[in-house]
């Protein structure tokens, strides 16, 4: 059975919300290095926080 498809606009909006800017990425890299945690752990936390924020 085919999965229901999201309207294209919804997909695009979701993609924009979860895209990391270069500044965000560098901030995460430096924070991860400073706290000696893995980059993957930091990225997971960051993306989770970003996706949990309500849409404007």
Protein backbone atom coordinates (compact mmCIF):
# COMPACT_ATOMS: atom_id res chain seq x y z
CA UNK A 1 0.00 0.00 0.00
CA UNK A 2 1.41 3.38 -0.98
CA UNK A 3 2.19 5.83 1.77
CA UNK A 4 0.24 9.09 1.76
CA UNK A 5 2.30 11.89 0.28
CA UNK A 6 2.87 15.22 1.94
CA UNK A 7 2.08 18.27 -0.13
CA UNK A 8 5.27 19.62 -1.71
CA UNK A 9 5.02 22.85 0.27
CA UNK A 10 5.06 20.98 3.60
CA UNK A 11 8.14 19.02 2.58
CA UNK A 12 9.96 22.19 1.59
CA UNK A 13 9.04 23.96 4.84
CA UNK A 14 10.29 20.99 6.88
CA UNK A 15 13.57 20.94 4.97
CA UNK A 16 14.17 24.63 5.60
CA UNK A 17 13.53 24.25 9.33
CA UNK A 18 16.08 21.47 9.72
CA UNK A 19 18.84 22.95 7.54
CA UNK A 20 21.98 23.94 9.43
CA UNK A 21 23.57 27.24 8.58
CA UNK A 22 27.35 27.43 8.41
CA UNK A 23 27.39 29.51 11.61
CA UNK A 24 25.29 26.92 13.46
CA UNK A 25 27.54 24.14 12.25
CA UNK A 26 30.75 25.85 13.35
CA UNK A 27 29.23 26.74 16.71
CA UNK A 28 28.31 23.08 17.22
CA UNK A 29 31.78 21.89 16.19
CA UNK A 30 33.48 24.26 18.64
CA UNK A 31 31.08 23.44 21.46
CA UNK A 32 31.55 19.72 20.89
CA UNK A 33 35.33 20.07 20.90
CA UNK A 34 35.22 22.21 24.05
CA UNK A 35 33.07 19.72 25.95
CA UNK A 36 34.84 16.62 24.54
CA UNK A 37 31.62 15.04 23.31
CA UNK A 38 31.18 13.57 19.87
CA UNK A 39 29.96 15.77 17.06
CA UNK A 40 27.18 13.28 16.35
CA UNK A 41 25.79 13.70 19.87
CA UNK A 42 25.80 17.47 19.53
CA UNK A 43 24.17 17.36 16.11
CA UNK A 44 21.42 15.06 17.38
CA UNK A 45 20.68 17.42 20.28
CA UNK A 46 20.77 20.49 18.06
CA UNK A 47 18.55 19.06 15.35
CA UNK A 48 16.12 17.74 17.97
CA UNK A 49 15.83 21.19 19.55
CA UNK A 50 15.47 22.82 16.14
CA UNK A 51 12.73 20.45 15.01
CA UNK A 52 10.83 20.70 18.31
CA UNK A 53 10.40 24.46 17.97
CA UNK A 54 6.93 25.44 16.77
CA UNK A 55 6.67 26.79 13.24
CA UNK A 56 6.42 30.59 12.97
